[in-house]
Every structure is written in structure tokens, then in C-alpha cells.
Amino acid sequence: MIQKTIIYILFILISFSSKAQLLPLYQLKNQKPCMSLKDVKNDYEKIIKLSLRRKKIKIIPNEIWNMTNLQFLDLSRNKIDSIPPQIKNLKNLQVLILSKNKINNLPKEFYQLKNLKVIRIGSNDIEHLSSKIRNFQKLEELDLWNTNVSDLPFELSKILTLKLLDLRGVLLNIEQQEDILELYSETKVLMSHPCNCSF
């Protein structure tokens, strides 16, 4: 019985020590990223920050799903058209940059990333955000620049940590913009000139 208890405690300690401590955003942003999967050499758990921008990627590489301690992922300016369910593996992810791709849908597993603080999905074909966005209770920045998301889920307005909401390039009439500014009075909201349109 004692031997089993010791083994269990050792297992917990090993598991705990293998997990990365979440870094403050300023420190994470200043950290030098890994720029190529060839540099990883199967040491997936050591990767905290990965940038594969402008690599002409069409499908997110499977190796990324093994990077369970990844906290910063930049896949911007590629040709990615979908996010697979395996994204839920990245439970420590704090910054996700997918700007300028061809993504039109966010899977339900995306909303399981509860440590996300920065989401940049601007210039994609996304039209809808799920009410499950309420799971992002640490979210500080949401960039929806140049997307088709004109109807924000009410749950987003309940995220008290949200500091910046970028809606530039999103077609919104004057009434919609006024409603958004009222609803997000404690958030810095960026918007283009209102359109002469109705929805």
C-alpha cells in the first residue's frame, strides 16, 4: 500500500514538473520563437513559442498537436482553411494568431482553450462566433479585423478582462456600432466608418 502511494506521488510530481508555467504576456511576446519544425527534433514539450507565418501552409502540421506546453502560436499569412479538433490539445495556449488565412469556421474544440488571452483571426472568412466564447474568461484581445462577423455573441460582453476588440473592416451600420460601443463601454473598440447597410 505504501509502495503504491509513493509511486502515485512520484507520478504526480513528474507530471507537474513536465508542465510549463504560464508566462506573463509581455515576457511571452519578447521571447524568441521557434521558426521551423525541423528545429524541434521531437522535443515537443519544450516548445513554448512557435511562429510559422508566411510558410504557405495549407494544413496545420500534426506535430503542433504534440506541443502540449505551447503558449504562443503564430500561423498567420498562410493558406489554412480549417482548424482541426486536435487544437484542444494546446491547453496552455495564451496567444493564437491565425490572421490572413482562409478559415471559415471555428470548431467547438477551439472554445476549450481557456487560457487564451489574445486571439487574432482577422482577414479570414469567419462569419460566426459561438456563445461558447464565454469560456475565454482570461481573454484580453480579440481581433476580428476584416471578417464577416457582424453579430457578436452576447456572452462576449460578459468577459470582464477584454481590453481590445478590433472590428475594423467589419460591415456595421451606425446603429450596430452604437450598440457595440454601449455594450463594450469598458473595452477599447476599433471600427471603420459605418456602412449604409441593414441586416
N, C-alpha and C. Protein backbone atom coordinates (compact mmCIF):
# COMPACT_ATOMS: atom_id res chain seq x y z
N MET A 1 0.83 -1.21 0.00
CA MET A 1 0.00 0.00 0.00
C MET A 1 0.87 1.26 0.00
N ILE A 2 1.90 1.26 0.87
CA ILE A 2 2.81 2.40 0.96
C ILE A 2 3.57 2.57 -0.35
N GLN A 3 3.97 1.43 -0.93
CA GLN A 3 4.72 1.47 -2.19
C GLN A 3 3.86 2.08 -3.31
N LYS A 4 2.58 1.71 -3.36
CA LYS A 4 1.67 2.26 -4.37
C LYS A 4 1.49 3.76 -4.18
N THR A 5 1.40 4.18 -2.92
CA THR A 5 1.25 5.61 -2.62
C THR A 5 2.46 6.39 -3.09
N ILE A 6 3.65 5.85 -2.83
CA ILE A 6 4.89 6.52 -3.25
C ILE A 6 4.96 6.63 -4.77
N ILE A 7 4.60 5.55 -5.44
CA ILE A 7 4.61 5.56 -6.91
C ILE A 7 3.63 6.60 -7.45
N TYR A 8 2.47 6.68 -6.81
CA TYR A 8 1.46 7.66 -7.25
C TYR A 8 1.97 9.09 -7.06
N ILE A 9 2.59 9.36 -5.91
CA ILE A 9 3.13 10.69 -5.62
C ILE A 9 4.23 11.06 -6.62
N LEU A 10 5.10 10.10 -6.93
CA LEU A 10 6.15 10.34 -7.91
C LEU A 10 5.57 10.65 -9.28
N PHE A 11 4.52 9.92 -9.64
CA PHE A 11 3.86 10.16 -10.93
C PHE A 11 3.29 11.58 -11.00
N ILE A 12 2.66 12.02 -9.93
CA ILE A 12 2.09 13.38 -9.87
C ILE A 12 3.20 14.43 -9.99
N LEU A 13 4.31 14.21 -9.27
CA LEU A 13 5.42 15.16 -9.30
C LEU A 13 6.05 15.25 -10.67
N ILE A 14 6.22 14.12 -11.33
CA ILE A 14 6.79 14.10 -12.68
C ILE A 14 5.86 14.80 -13.66
N SER A 15 4.58 14.52 -13.53
CA SER A 15 3.60 15.15 -14.42
C SER A 15 3.58 16.65 -14.23
N PHE A 16 3.63 17.08 -12.98
CA PHE A 16 3.59 18.51 -12.67
C PHE A 16 4.83 19.23 -13.21
N SER A 17 5.99 18.59 -13.01
CA SER A 17 7.24 19.22 -13.43
C SER A 17 7.37 19.31 -14.94
N SER A 18 6.66 18.45 -15.68
CA SER A 18 6.75 18.46 -17.14
C SER A 18 5.87 19.55 -17.77
N LYS A 19 5.01 20.16 -16.97
CA LYS A 19 4.12 21.19 -17.48
C LYS A 19 4.79 22.55 -17.38
N ALA A 20 4.61 23.34 -18.45
CA ALA A 20 5.20 24.68 -18.46
C ALA A 20 4.39 25.62 -17.59
N GLN A 21 5.11 26.51 -16.92
CA GLN A 21 4.43 27.56 -16.17
C GLN A 21 4.01 28.63 -17.16
N LEU A 22 2.77 29.12 -17.02
CA LEU A 22 2.28 30.14 -17.93
C LEU A 22 3.03 31.44 -17.71
N LEU A 23 3.59 31.97 -18.79
CA LEU A 23 4.38 33.19 -18.71
C LEU A 23 3.48 34.42 -18.82
N PRO A 24 3.87 35.54 -18.21
CA PRO A 24 3.14 36.79 -18.44
C PRO A 24 3.21 37.15 -19.92
N LEU A 25 2.19 37.82 -20.44
CA LEU A 25 2.13 38.13 -21.87
C LEU A 25 3.34 38.92 -22.35
N TYR A 26 3.77 39.91 -21.59
CA TYR A 26 4.89 40.74 -22.03
C TYR A 26 6.15 39.89 -22.20
N GLN A 27 6.33 38.93 -21.31
CA GLN A 27 7.50 38.06 -21.37
C GLN A 27 7.38 37.09 -22.53
N LEU A 28 6.18 36.61 -22.76
CA LEU A 28 5.92 35.66 -23.85
C LEU A 28 6.15 36.32 -25.20
N LYS A 29 5.68 37.56 -25.35
CA LYS A 29 5.83 38.27 -26.62
C LYS A 29 7.29 38.59 -26.93
N ASN A 30 8.10 38.78 -25.89
CA ASN A 30 9.51 39.12 -26.09
C ASN A 30 10.41 37.90 -26.26
N GLN A 31 9.84 36.73 -26.03
CA GLN A 31 10.64 35.51 -26.13
C GLN A 31 10.87 35.14 -27.60
N LYS A 32 12.05 34.66 -27.91
CA LYS A 32 12.38 34.27 -29.28
C LYS A 32 11.61 32.99 -29.65
N PRO A 33 10.91 33.00 -30.79
CA PRO A 33 10.12 31.81 -31.16
C PRO A 33 10.94 30.77 -31.92
N CYS A 34 10.46 29.57 -31.87
CA CYS A 34 10.94 28.52 -32.76
C CYS A 34 10.34 28.82 -34.14
N MET A 35 11.15 28.82 -35.19
CA MET A 35 10.69 29.25 -36.51
C MET A 35 10.55 28.10 -37.51
N SER A 36 10.89 26.90 -37.10
CA SER A 36 10.82 25.77 -38.02
C SER A 36 10.61 24.48 -37.24
N LEU A 37 9.78 23.61 -37.79
CA LEU A 37 9.53 22.32 -37.14
C LEU A 37 10.77 21.43 -37.20
N LYS A 38 11.67 21.71 -38.12
CA LYS A 38 12.90 20.93 -38.21
C LYS A 38 13.79 21.15 -36.99
N ASP A 39 13.60 22.31 -36.34
CA ASP A 39 14.41 22.62 -35.16
C ASP A 39 13.92 21.92 -33.89
N VAL A 40 12.72 21.36 -33.97
CA VAL A 40 12.10 20.78 -32.77
C VAL A 40 12.76 19.47 -32.37
N LYS A 41 13.04 18.61 -33.33
CA LYS A 41 13.71 17.32 -33.09
C LYS A 41 13.00 16.48 -32.04
N ASN A 42 11.69 16.41 -32.15
CA ASN A 42 10.85 15.58 -31.28
C ASN A 42 10.79 16.05 -29.82
N ASP A 43 11.41 17.16 -29.50
CA ASP A 43 11.31 17.71 -28.14
C ASP A 43 10.09 18.62 -28.06
N TYR A 44 8.94 18.06 -28.34
CA TYR A 44 7.72 18.84 -28.48
C TYR A 44 7.35 19.60 -27.21
N GLU A 45 7.55 18.97 -26.05
CA GLU A 45 7.12 19.58 -24.79
C GLU A 45 7.97 20.79 -24.40
N LYS A 46 9.11 20.97 -25.04
CA LYS A 46 9.98 22.10 -24.72
C LYS A 46 9.57 23.38 -25.45
N ILE A 47 8.73 23.24 -26.46
CA ILE A 47 8.37 24.39 -27.29
C ILE A 47 7.28 25.22 -26.60
N ILE A 48 7.62 26.48 -26.32
CA ILE A 48 6.69 27.41 -25.68
C ILE A 48 6.10 28.37 -26.72
N LYS A 49 6.95 28.74 -27.69
CA LYS A 49 6.54 29.74 -28.69
C LYS A 49 6.93 29.26 -30.08
N LEU A 50 5.96 29.27 -31.00
CA LEU A 50 6.18 28.78 -32.36
C LEU A 50 5.60 29.76 -33.36
N SER A 51 6.40 30.13 -34.34
CA SER A 51 5.93 31.02 -35.41
C SER A 51 6.21 30.39 -36.76
N LEU A 52 5.14 30.09 -37.49
CA LEU A 52 5.25 29.52 -38.83
C LEU A 52 4.51 30.41 -39.83
N ARG A 53 4.65 31.72 -39.68
CA ARG A 53 3.97 32.65 -40.57
C ARG A 53 4.66 32.68 -41.93
N ARG A 54 3.85 32.92 -42.96
CA ARG A 54 4.35 33.02 -44.34
C ARG A 54 5.09 31.75 -44.79
N LYS A 55 4.55 30.58 -44.47
CA LYS A 55 5.18 29.32 -44.87
C LYS A 55 4.38 28.59 -45.95
N LYS A 56 3.33 29.23 -46.46
CA LYS A 56 2.46 28.64 -47.48
C LYS A 56 1.81 27.35 -47.00
N ILE A 57 1.52 27.30 -45.70
CA ILE A 57 0.90 26.11 -45.10
C ILE A 57 -0.58 26.06 -45.45
N LYS A 58 -1.05 24.90 -45.87
CA LYS A 58 -2.47 24.71 -46.17
C LYS A 58 -3.18 23.93 -45.06
N ILE A 59 -2.43 23.04 -44.42
CA ILE A 59 -2.96 22.23 -43.33
C ILE A 59 -2.04 22.39 -42.12
N ILE A 60 -2.61 22.62 -40.96
CA ILE A 60 -1.78 22.78 -39.75
C ILE A 60 -1.03 21.48 -39.49
N PRO A 61 0.29 21.54 -39.39
CA PRO A 61 1.10 20.32 -39.20
C PRO A 61 0.72 19.56 -37.92
N ASN A 62 0.65 18.25 -38.03
CA ASN A 62 0.26 17.40 -36.90
C ASN A 62 1.23 17.50 -35.73
N GLU A 63 2.50 17.83 -36.01
CA GLU A 63 3.50 17.93 -34.94
C GLU A 63 3.08 18.95 -33.88
N ILE A 64 2.36 19.97 -34.29
CA ILE A 64 1.96 21.03 -33.36
C ILE A 64 1.07 20.49 -32.24
N TRP A 65 0.26 19.49 -32.55
CA TRP A 65 -0.67 18.96 -31.54
C TRP A 65 0.06 18.22 -30.43
N ASN A 66 1.33 17.91 -30.63
CA ASN A 66 2.14 17.27 -29.58
C ASN A 66 2.82 18.29 -28.68
N MET A 67 2.71 19.57 -29.02
CA MET A 67 3.35 20.63 -28.24
C MET A 67 2.42 21.08 -27.13
N THR A 68 2.24 20.24 -26.16
CA THR A 68 1.22 20.47 -25.12
C THR A 68 1.55 21.63 -24.19
N ASN A 69 2.81 22.11 -24.22
CA ASN A 69 3.19 23.26 -23.40
C ASN A 69 3.27 24.55 -24.22
N LEU A 70 2.82 24.49 -25.43
CA LEU A 70 2.85 25.66 -26.31
C LEU A 70 1.96 26.78 -25.76
N GLN A 71 2.52 28.00 -25.70
CA GLN A 71 1.76 29.13 -25.17
C GLN A 71 1.53 30.22 -26.21
N PHE A 72 2.31 30.21 -27.28
CA PHE A 72 2.22 31.25 -28.31
C PHE A 72 2.33 30.56 -29.67
N LEU A 73 1.30 30.73 -30.50
CA LEU A 73 1.30 30.09 -31.82
C LEU A 73 0.91 31.12 -32.88
N ASP A 74 1.80 31.35 -33.84
CA ASP A 74 1.55 32.27 -34.94
C ASP A 74 1.57 31.50 -36.25
N LEU A 75 0.40 31.39 -36.86
CA LEU A 75 0.26 30.72 -38.17
C LEU A 75 -0.32 31.70 -39.20
N SER A 76 -0.06 32.97 -39.00
CA SER A 76 -0.64 33.99 -39.88
C SER A 76 -0.02 33.97 -41.27
N ARG A 77 -0.77 34.56 -42.22
CA ARG A 77 -0.32 34.72 -43.61
C ARG A 77 0.03 33.39 -44.26
N ASN A 78 -0.86 32.40 -44.09
CA ASN A 78 -0.72 31.12 -44.75
C ASN A 78 -1.97 30.86 -45.61
N LYS A 79 -2.25 29.61 -45.89
CA LYS A 79 -3.41 29.26 -46.72
C LYS A 79 -4.29 28.24 -46.01
N ILE A 80 -4.31 28.32 -44.69
CA ILE A 80 -5.05 27.37 -43.87
C ILE A 80 -6.55 27.63 -44.00
N ASP A 81 -7.33 26.58 -44.26
CA ASP A 81 -8.78 26.78 -44.43
C ASP A 81 -9.61 26.16 -43.31
N SER A 82 -8.97 25.44 -42.40
CA SER A 82 -9.73 24.83 -41.30
C SER A 82 -8.84 24.58 -40.10
N ILE A 83 -9.50 24.50 -38.93
CA ILE A 83 -8.81 24.19 -37.68
C ILE A 83 -9.31 22.83 -37.21
N PRO A 84 -8.45 21.84 -37.10
CA PRO A 84 -8.90 20.50 -36.69
C PRO A 84 -9.22 20.43 -35.20
N PRO A 85 -9.98 19.43 -34.79
CA PRO A 85 -10.36 19.26 -33.38
C PRO A 85 -9.17 19.12 -32.44
N GLN A 86 -8.04 18.68 -32.97
CA GLN A 86 -6.86 18.47 -32.13
C GLN A 86 -6.35 19.75 -31.48
N ILE A 87 -6.87 20.87 -31.89
CA ILE A 87 -6.42 22.13 -31.27
C ILE A 87 -6.68 22.13 -29.77
N LYS A 88 -7.61 21.31 -29.33
CA LYS A 88 -7.92 21.23 -27.89
C LYS A 88 -6.73 20.73 -27.08
N ASN A 89 -5.74 20.11 -27.75
CA ASN A 89 -4.55 19.62 -27.06
C ASN A 89 -3.70 20.76 -26.50
N LEU A 90 -3.85 21.95 -27.07
CA LEU A 90 -2.99 23.08 -26.70
C LEU A 90 -3.59 23.85 -25.53
N LYS A 91 -3.72 23.19 -24.41
CA LYS A 91 -4.43 23.75 -23.26
C LYS A 91 -3.71 24.92 -22.60
N ASN A 92 -2.40 25.06 -22.85
CA ASN A 92 -1.64 26.16 -22.27
C ASN A 92 -1.53 27.37 -23.19
N LEU A 93 -2.17 27.30 -24.34
CA LEU A 93 -2.06 28.37 -25.33
C LEU A 93 -2.65 29.67 -24.80
N GLN A 94 -1.85 30.74 -24.87
CA GLN A 94 -2.30 32.06 -24.43
C GLN A 94 -2.49 33.02 -25.61
N VAL A 95 -1.67 32.85 -26.64
CA VAL A 95 -1.73 33.72 -27.82
C VAL A 95 -1.89 32.86 -29.06
N LEU A 96 -2.96 33.13 -29.82
CA LEU A 96 -3.21 32.41 -31.07
C LEU A 96 -3.40 33.42 -32.19
N ILE A 97 -2.51 33.35 -33.18
CA ILE A 97 -2.56 34.29 -34.31
C ILE A 97 -2.78 33.49 -35.60
N LEU A 98 -3.95 33.69 -36.18
CA LEU A 98 -4.33 32.99 -37.42
C LEU A 98 -4.73 33.98 -38.51
N SER A 99 -4.33 35.22 -38.38
CA SER A 99 -4.72 36.26 -39.32
C SER A 99 -4.28 35.93 -40.74
N LYS A 100 -5.08 36.39 -41.70
CA LYS A 100 -4.77 36.27 -43.13
C LYS A 100 -4.59 34.82 -43.56
N ASN A 101 -5.64 34.04 -43.32
CA ASN A 101 -5.73 32.68 -43.84
C ASN A 101 -7.05 32.55 -44.59
N LYS A 102 -7.58 31.34 -44.70
CA LYS A 102 -8.83 31.12 -45.42
C LYS A 102 -9.84 30.37 -44.55
N ILE A 103 -9.75 30.59 -43.25
CA ILE A 103 -10.58 29.87 -42.28
C ILE A 103 -12.01 30.42 -42.30
N ASN A 104 -12.99 29.52 -42.39
CA ASN A 104 -14.39 29.98 -42.39
C ASN A 104 -15.20 29.47 -41.22
N ASN A 105 -14.57 28.64 -40.38
CA ASN A 105 -15.31 28.07 -39.26
C ASN A 105 -14.37 27.78 -38.09
N LEU A 106 -14.87 28.03 -36.88
CA LEU A 106 -14.11 27.70 -35.68
C LEU A 106 -14.76 26.49 -35.01
N PRO A 107 -14.05 25.38 -34.88
CA PRO A 107 -14.65 24.18 -34.30
C PRO A 107 -14.96 24.34 -32.83
N LYS A 108 -15.84 23.53 -32.31
CA LYS A 108 -16.22 23.62 -30.90
C LYS A 108 -15.01 23.40 -29.98
N GLU A 109 -14.03 22.62 -30.45
CA GLU A 109 -12.83 22.36 -29.64
C GLU A 109 -12.00 23.62 -29.44
N PHE A 110 -12.11 24.55 -30.35
CA PHE A 110 -11.39 25.82 -30.22
C PHE A 110 -11.76 26.53 -28.92
N TYR A 111 -13.02 26.42 -28.54
CA TYR A 111 -13.53 27.13 -27.36
C TYR A 111 -13.15 26.44 -26.05
N GLN A 112 -12.37 25.36 -26.14
CA GLN A 112 -11.88 24.69 -24.93
C GLN A 112 -10.55 25.26 -24.45
N LEU A 113 -9.99 26.19 -25.22
CA LEU A 113 -8.68 26.76 -24.87
C LEU A 113 -8.85 27.90 -23.87
N LYS A 114 -9.07 27.54 -22.63
CA LYS A 114 -9.48 28.50 -21.60
C LYS A 114 -8.38 29.45 -21.14
N ASN A 115 -7.13 29.21 -21.55
CA ASN A 115 -6.05 30.11 -21.17
C ASN A 115 -5.78 31.20 -22.21
N LEU A 116 -6.56 31.22 -23.28
CA LEU A 116 -6.33 32.20 -24.34
C LEU A 116 -6.53 33.63 -23.82
N LYS A 117 -5.54 34.47 -24.11
CA LYS A 117 -5.62 35.89 -23.75
C LYS A 117 -5.66 36.77 -25.00
N VAL A 118 -5.05 36.29 -26.08
CA VAL A 118 -5.01 37.04 -27.34
C VAL A 118 -5.44 36.13 -28.48
N ILE A 119 -6.48 36.55 -29.20
CA ILE A 119 -6.95 35.81 -30.37
C ILE A 119 -6.97 36.77 -31.55
N ARG A 120 -6.18 36.45 -32.56
CA ARG A 120 -6.16 37.27 -33.78
C ARG A 120 -6.55 36.39 -34.95
N ILE A 121 -7.77 36.59 -35.42
CA ILE A 121 -8.29 35.78 -36.53
C ILE A 121 -8.80 36.68 -37.65
N GLY A 122 -8.24 37.90 -37.71
CA GLY A 122 -8.64 38.85 -38.73
C GLY A 122 -8.30 38.39 -40.14
N SER A 123 -9.03 38.95 -41.10
CA SER A 123 -8.83 38.65 -42.52
C SER A 123 -8.96 37.16 -42.81
N ASN A 124 -10.04 36.58 -42.31
CA ASN A 124 -10.46 35.22 -42.63
C ASN A 124 -11.92 35.28 -43.07
N ASP A 125 -12.49 34.15 -43.44
CA ASP A 125 -13.87 34.12 -43.92
C ASP A 125 -14.87 33.77 -42.82
N ILE A 126 -14.49 34.02 -41.58
CA ILE A 126 -15.32 33.66 -40.43
C ILE A 126 -16.56 34.55 -40.36
N GLU A 127 -17.71 33.92 -40.17
CA GLU A 127 -18.97 34.66 -40.09
C GLU A 127 -19.63 34.57 -38.71
N HIS A 128 -19.20 33.61 -37.91
CA HIS A 128 -19.94 33.32 -36.67
C HIS A 128 -18.99 32.99 -35.52
N LEU A 129 -19.32 33.51 -34.35
CA LEU A 129 -18.65 33.11 -33.11
C LEU A 129 -19.69 32.46 -32.21
N SER A 130 -19.30 31.36 -31.60
CA SER A 130 -20.23 30.62 -30.73
C SER A 130 -20.41 31.31 -29.39
N SER A 131 -21.54 31.06 -28.77
CA SER A 131 -21.79 31.56 -27.41
C SER A 131 -20.80 30.94 -26.42
N LYS A 132 -20.11 29.87 -26.86
CA LYS A 132 -19.10 29.23 -26.01
C LYS A 132 -17.88 30.11 -25.82
N ILE A 133 -17.87 31.25 -26.47
CA ILE A 133 -16.78 32.20 -26.27
C ILE A 133 -16.71 32.65 -24.81
N ARG A 134 -17.79 32.41 -24.07
CA ARG A 134 -17.80 32.73 -22.63
C ARG A 134 -16.72 31.94 -21.88
N ASN A 135 -16.23 30.85 -22.48
CA ASN A 135 -15.17 30.06 -21.84
C ASN A 135 -13.86 30.83 -21.73
N PHE A 136 -13.69 31.86 -22.55
CA PHE A 136 -12.43 32.61 -22.57
C PHE A 136 -12.44 33.71 -21.51
N GLN A 137 -12.44 33.32 -20.26
CA GLN A 137 -12.55 34.28 -19.17
C GLN A 137 -11.24 35.02 -18.87
N LYS A 138 -10.18 34.72 -19.63
CA LYS A 138 -8.92 35.44 -19.50
C LYS A 138 -8.65 36.32 -20.72
N LEU A 139 -9.56 36.32 -21.66
CA LEU A 139 -9.34 36.99 -22.94
C LEU A 139 -9.15 38.50 -22.76
N GLU A 140 -8.07 39.02 -23.36
CA GLU A 140 -7.76 40.45 -23.29
C GLU A 140 -7.88 41.13 -24.65
N GLU A 141 -7.60 40.39 -25.71
CA GLU A 141 -7.61 40.99 -27.05
C GLU A 141 -8.27 40.05 -28.05
N LEU A 142 -9.24 40.58 -28.79
CA LEU A 142 -9.90 39.81 -29.85
C LEU A 142 -9.87 40.62 -31.13
N ASP A 143 -9.17 40.10 -32.12
CA ASP A 143 -9.01 40.78 -33.41
C ASP A 143 -9.87 40.07 -34.46
N LEU A 144 -10.94 40.76 -34.88
CA LEU A 144 -11.83 40.24 -35.91
C LEU A 144 -11.76 41.10 -37.17
N TRP A 145 -10.68 41.82 -37.32
CA TRP A 145 -10.49 42.73 -38.44
C TRP A 145 -10.78 42.05 -39.78
N ASN A 146 -11.58 42.71 -40.59
CA ASN A 146 -11.85 42.25 -41.95
C ASN A 146 -12.43 40.84 -42.02
N THR A 147 -13.32 40.51 -41.09
CA THR A 147 -14.06 39.25 -41.15
C THR A 147 -15.53 39.58 -41.45
N ASN A 148 -16.36 38.56 -41.50
CA ASN A 148 -17.80 38.77 -41.74
C ASN A 148 -18.62 38.61 -40.47
N VAL A 149 -17.96 38.72 -39.31
CA VAL A 149 -18.64 38.58 -38.03
C VAL A 149 -19.29 39.92 -37.67
N SER A 150 -20.56 40.06 -38.00
CA SER A 150 -21.25 41.32 -37.71
C SER A 150 -22.17 41.19 -36.48
N ASP A 151 -22.44 39.96 -36.08
CA ASP A 151 -23.32 39.71 -34.94
C ASP A 151 -22.52 39.03 -33.83
N LEU A 152 -22.08 39.82 -32.87
CA LEU A 152 -21.26 39.28 -31.79
C LEU A 152 -22.14 38.59 -30.74
N PRO A 153 -21.70 37.44 -30.24
CA PRO A 153 -22.48 36.77 -29.19
C PRO A 153 -22.52 37.62 -27.92
N PHE A 154 -23.66 37.68 -27.30
CA PHE A 154 -23.83 38.50 -26.09
C PHE A 154 -22.84 38.08 -25.01
N GLU A 155 -22.50 36.81 -24.97
CA GLU A 155 -21.59 36.28 -23.94
C GLU A 155 -20.22 36.95 -23.97
N LEU A 156 -19.82 37.46 -25.14
CA LEU A 156 -18.53 38.13 -25.25
C LEU A 156 -18.49 39.38 -24.37
N SER A 157 -19.59 40.07 -24.28
CA SER A 157 -19.64 41.31 -23.49
C SER A 157 -19.51 41.05 -22.00
N LYS A 158 -19.65 39.79 -21.59
CA LYS A 158 -19.53 39.43 -20.17
C LYS A 158 -18.11 39.05 -19.76
N ILE A 159 -17.19 39.11 -20.72
CA ILE A 159 -15.80 38.81 -20.40
C ILE A 159 -15.14 40.09 -19.89
N LEU A 160 -14.96 40.19 -18.61
CA LEU A 160 -14.53 41.43 -17.98
C LEU A 160 -13.06 41.75 -18.23
N THR A 161 -12.30 40.79 -18.69
CA THR A 161 -10.87 41.02 -18.93
C THR A 161 -10.60 41.62 -20.31
N LEU A 162 -11.61 41.68 -21.17
CA LEU A 162 -11.42 42.13 -22.55
C LEU A 162 -11.03 43.61 -22.60
N LYS A 163 -9.84 43.87 -23.16
CA LYS A 163 -9.33 45.24 -23.24
C LYS A 163 -9.43 45.82 -24.65
N LEU A 164 -9.31 44.95 -25.66
CA LEU A 164 -9.30 45.43 -27.05
C LEU A 164 -10.15 44.53 -27.94
N LEU A 165 -11.04 45.17 -28.70
CA LEU A 165 -11.89 44.48 -29.66
C LEU A 165 -11.72 45.18 -31.00
N ASP A 166 -11.12 44.50 -31.97
CA ASP A 166 -10.84 45.10 -33.28
C ASP A 166 -11.88 44.63 -34.29
N LEU A 167 -12.72 45.57 -34.71
CA LEU A 167 -13.78 45.28 -35.69
C LEU A 167 -13.60 46.10 -36.96
N ARG A 168 -12.41 46.57 -37.20
CA ARG A 168 -12.16 47.34 -38.42
C ARG A 168 -12.39 46.46 -39.65
N GLY A 169 -13.01 47.03 -40.66
CA GLY A 169 -13.27 46.27 -41.87
C GLY A 169 -14.51 45.41 -41.81
N VAL A 170 -15.16 45.35 -40.64
CA VAL A 170 -16.41 44.58 -40.50
C VAL A 170 -17.58 45.52 -40.84
N LEU A 171 -18.46 45.07 -41.71
CA LEU A 171 -19.59 45.90 -42.13
C LEU A 171 -20.60 46.05 -40.99
N LEU A 172 -20.69 47.28 -40.48
CA LEU A 172 -21.61 47.59 -39.38
C LEU A 172 -22.26 48.93 -39.68
N ASN A 173 -23.57 49.01 -39.51
CA ASN A 173 -24.22 50.32 -39.69
C ASN A 173 -24.10 51.13 -38.39
N ILE A 174 -24.56 52.36 -38.45
CA ILE A 174 -24.38 53.26 -37.31
C ILE A 174 -25.07 52.76 -36.05
N GLU A 175 -26.25 52.14 -36.21
CA GLU A 175 -26.98 51.61 -35.05
C GLU A 175 -26.21 50.46 -34.39
N GLN A 176 -25.67 49.59 -35.23
CA GLN A 176 -24.90 48.47 -34.69
C GLN A 176 -23.65 48.97 -33.95
N GLN A 177 -22.99 49.95 -34.53
CA GLN A 177 -21.79 50.47 -33.89
C GLN A 177 -22.11 51.12 -32.55
N GLU A 178 -23.20 51.85 -32.50
CA GLU A 178 -23.61 52.49 -31.24
C GLU A 178 -23.94 51.45 -30.18
N ASP A 179 -24.62 50.38 -30.58
CA ASP A 179 -24.95 49.30 -29.64
C ASP A 179 -23.68 48.64 -29.10
N ILE A 180 -22.71 48.42 -29.99
CA ILE A 180 -21.45 47.79 -29.58
C ILE A 180 -20.69 48.67 -28.61
N LEU A 181 -20.61 49.96 -28.92
CA LEU A 181 -19.89 50.89 -28.05
C LEU A 181 -20.53 50.97 -26.66
N GLU A 182 -21.85 50.87 -26.62
CA GLU A 182 -22.54 50.90 -25.33
C GLU A 182 -22.31 49.62 -24.55
N LEU A 183 -22.36 48.50 -25.26
CA LEU A 183 -22.21 47.20 -24.62
C LEU A 183 -20.77 46.97 -24.14
N TYR A 184 -19.81 47.53 -24.89
CA TYR A 184 -18.39 47.33 -24.55
C TYR A 184 -17.77 48.65 -24.08
N SER A 185 -18.43 49.30 -23.18
CA SER A 185 -18.01 50.63 -22.72
C SER A 185 -16.66 50.59 -22.00
N GLU A 186 -16.28 49.43 -21.44
CA GLU A 186 -15.02 49.32 -20.71
C GLU A 186 -13.90 48.76 -21.59
N THR A 187 -14.19 48.57 -22.87
CA THR A 187 -13.23 47.96 -23.81
C THR A 187 -12.89 48.95 -24.91
N LYS A 188 -11.63 48.96 -25.33
CA LYS A 188 -11.25 49.77 -26.48
C LYS A 188 -11.73 49.06 -27.74
N VAL A 189 -12.65 49.70 -28.47
CA VAL A 189 -13.22 49.10 -29.67
C VAL A 189 -12.77 49.89 -30.90
N LEU A 190 -12.19 49.17 -31.86
CA LEU A 190 -11.75 49.78 -33.12
C LEU A 190 -12.73 49.40 -34.22
N MET A 191 -13.24 50.41 -34.93
CA MET A 191 -14.20 50.17 -36.01
C MET A 191 -13.92 51.12 -37.17
N SER A 192 -14.29 50.68 -38.37
CA SER A 192 -14.21 51.54 -39.55
C SER A 192 -15.45 52.44 -39.58
N HIS A 193 -15.52 53.31 -40.58
CA HIS A 193 -16.71 54.15 -40.72
C HIS A 193 -17.93 53.26 -40.93
N PRO A 194 -19.08 53.62 -40.36
CA PRO A 194 -20.27 52.78 -40.52
C PRO A 194 -20.71 52.69 -41.97
N CYS A 195 -21.28 51.54 -42.29
CA CYS A 195 -21.78 51.35 -43.66
C CYS A 195 -23.22 51.81 -43.75
N ASN A 196 -23.66 52.09 -44.95
CA ASN A 196 -25.06 52.45 -45.18
C ASN A 196 -25.81 51.17 -45.55
N CYS A 197 -25.92 50.28 -44.54
CA CYS A 197 -26.49 48.96 -44.81
C CYS A 197 -27.39 48.52 -43.66
N SER A 198 -28.21 47.55 -43.93
CA SER A 198 -29.09 46.98 -42.91
C SER A 198 -28.99 45.46 -42.98
N PHE A 199 -29.21 44.80 -41.84
CA PHE A 199 -29.10 43.33 -41.78
C PHE A 199 -30.38 42.72 -41.23
